[in-house]
Amino acid sequence: MKKRISILTLLLLALIVSATTVKAQKVYTVKYESQADIKVYIVKYESQCDLKVFHVKYESQAKKEGKWFNVKYESQADKKLYYVDYESQADLKIYYVDYESQAGWKNTSKSHLMK
């Protein structure tokens, strides 16, 4: 009985940990800054970014940090983004990468923005 309880406890703990570490990666671009959760600026060089982003084709691929899926409707999004014109206006600086494997955080201090 103790073995069964400890296995169930471990499974429950693993489920809780995995649920709290899932990052929001379904995004929607809003028209107005006041509607946004995050203000984003696209930098020219990878060394300037906080997050390297790769746009995936399917929603199911958007689980890892930096893999974004653009949804059609605002209500489907985990985060609403507004792209700003100047770096100083941004909460998050991103750089688009060519390969899915390159996606991820360069500046983990900003990771709370996508949770």
Protein backbone atom coordinates (compact mmCIF):
# COMPACT_ATOMS: atom_id res chain seq x y z
CA MET A 1 0.00 0.00 0.00
CA LYS A 2 2.82 2.42 0.87
CA LYS A 3 4.47 1.76 -2.50
CA ARG A 4 1.22 2.53 -4.33
CA ILE A 5 0.76 5.79 -2.39
CA SER A 6 4.32 6.92 -3.04
CA ILE A 7 3.98 6.21 -6.79
CA LEU A 8 0.73 8.17 -6.91
CA THR A 9 2.37 10.99 -4.95
CA LEU A 10 5.28 11.10 -7.40
CA LEU A 11 2.94 11.12 -10.40
CA LEU A 12 0.86 13.91 -8.89
CA LEU A 13 3.98 15.93 -8.09
CA ALA A 14 5.31 15.45 -11.65
CA LEU A 15 1.97 16.59 -13.07
CA ILE A 16 1.95 19.73 -10.90
CA VAL A 17 5.53 20.61 -11.80
CA SER A 18 4.94 20.11 -15.53
CA ALA A 19 1.75 22.19 -15.43
CA THR A 20 3.47 25.11 -13.73
CA THR A 21 6.46 25.12 -16.08
CA VAL A 22 4.47 25.24 -19.32
CA LYS A 23 5.21 28.49 -21.08
CA ALA A 24 2.75 30.51 -23.12
CA GLN A 25 3.63 30.31 -26.79
CA LYS A 26 0.35 30.89 -28.63
CA VAL A 27 0.48 34.54 -29.62
CA TYR A 28 -1.81 37.11 -31.20
CA THR A 29 -0.76 40.51 -32.54
CA VAL A 30 -3.03 43.34 -31.42
CA LYS A 31 -3.54 46.66 -33.19
CA TYR A 32 -3.18 48.92 -30.17
CA GLU A 33 -0.54 49.07 -27.46
CA SER A 34 -3.18 49.27 -24.72
CA GLN A 35 -4.51 45.82 -25.71
CA ALA A 36 -1.16 44.07 -25.37
CA ASP A 37 0.26 41.88 -22.63
CA ILE A 38 3.78 42.41 -23.97
CA LYS A 39 5.38 45.09 -26.12
CA VAL A 40 7.86 43.49 -28.52
CA TYR A 41 10.73 44.87 -30.58
CA ILE A 42 12.50 42.92 -33.33
CA VAL A 43 16.27 43.43 -33.17
CA LYS A 44 18.65 43.18 -36.12
CA TYR A 45 21.26 40.99 -34.43
CA GLU A 46 20.93 37.88 -32.29
CA SER A 47 23.30 39.31 -29.68
CA GLN A 48 20.80 42.10 -28.92
CA CYS A 49 17.80 39.90 -28.16
CA ASP A 50 16.18 38.54 -25.03
CA LEU A 51 14.43 35.69 -26.87
CA LYS A 52 15.19 33.88 -30.11
CA VAL A 53 11.86 33.10 -31.81
CA PHE A 54 10.87 30.54 -34.41
CA HIS A 55 7.33 30.52 -35.81
CA VAL A 56 5.97 26.97 -35.98
CA LYS A 57 3.35 25.71 -38.43
CA TYR A 58 1.20 23.82 -35.93
CA GLU A 59 -0.14 24.76 -32.52
CA SER A 60 1.04 21.48 -31.03
CA GLN A 61 4.66 22.45 -31.77
CA ALA A 62 4.42 25.64 -29.70
CA LYS A 63 5.31 24.13 -26.35
CA LYS A 64 8.98 25.06 -26.04
CA GLU A 65 10.08 28.57 -25.17
CA GLY A 66 10.69 30.61 -28.27
CA LYS A 67 8.47 28.51 -30.51
CA TRP A 68 5.52 30.72 -31.32
CA PHE A 69 2.28 29.90 -33.06
CA ASN A 70 0.15 32.78 -34.34
CA VAL A 71 -3.51 32.17 -33.58
CA LYS A 72 -6.36 33.61 -35.63
CA TYR A 73 -8.39 34.96 -32.73
CA GLU A 74 -7.37 36.98 -29.69
CA SER A 75 -9.29 34.66 -27.35
CA GLN A 76 -7.08 31.71 -28.41
CA ALA A 77 -3.83 33.41 -27.44
CA ASP A 78 -1.76 32.86 -24.35
CA LYS A 79 -0.15 36.27 -24.88
CA LYS A 80 -1.18 39.32 -26.88
CA LEU A 81 1.72 41.14 -28.52
CA TYR A 82 2.18 44.66 -29.79
CA TYR A 83 5.21 45.37 -31.97
CA VAL A 84 6.79 48.72 -31.11
CA ASP A 85 8.90 50.93 -33.37
CA TYR A 86 11.67 51.66 -30.90
CA GLU A 87 13.77 49.36 -28.73
CA SER A 88 13.31 51.59 -25.68
CA GLN A 89 9.53 51.02 -25.78
CA ALA A 90 9.81 47.23 -25.62
CA ASP A 91 9.27 44.84 -22.75
CA LEU A 92 10.86 42.06 -24.80
CA LYS A 93 13.43 42.13 -27.60
CA ILE A 94 13.20 39.23 -30.03
CA TYR A 95 15.25 37.89 -32.91
CA TYR A 96 13.76 35.56 -35.52
CA VAL A 97 15.84 32.45 -36.14
CA ASP A 98 15.85 30.20 -39.19
CA TYR A 99 15.77 26.86 -37.39
CA GLU A 100 13.48 25.50 -34.70
CA SER A 101 16.44 24.19 -32.69
CA GLN A 102 17.81 27.74 -32.27
CA ALA A 103 14.73 29.03 -30.43
CA GLY A 104 15.02 29.90 -26.75
CA TRP A 105 16.00 32.46 -24.16
CA LYS A 106 19.20 34.49 -24.27
CA ASN A 107 18.15 36.65 -21.32
CA THR A 108 16.30 34.43 -18.85
CA SER A 109 15.51 37.39 -16.57
CA LYS A 110 12.69 38.23 -19.03
CA SER A 111 11.23 34.72 -19.06
CA HIS A 112 8.45 35.75 -16.65
CA LEU A 113 6.89 37.75 -19.49
CA MET A 114 5.89 34.61 -21.36
CA LYS A 115 4.54 32.63 -18.40
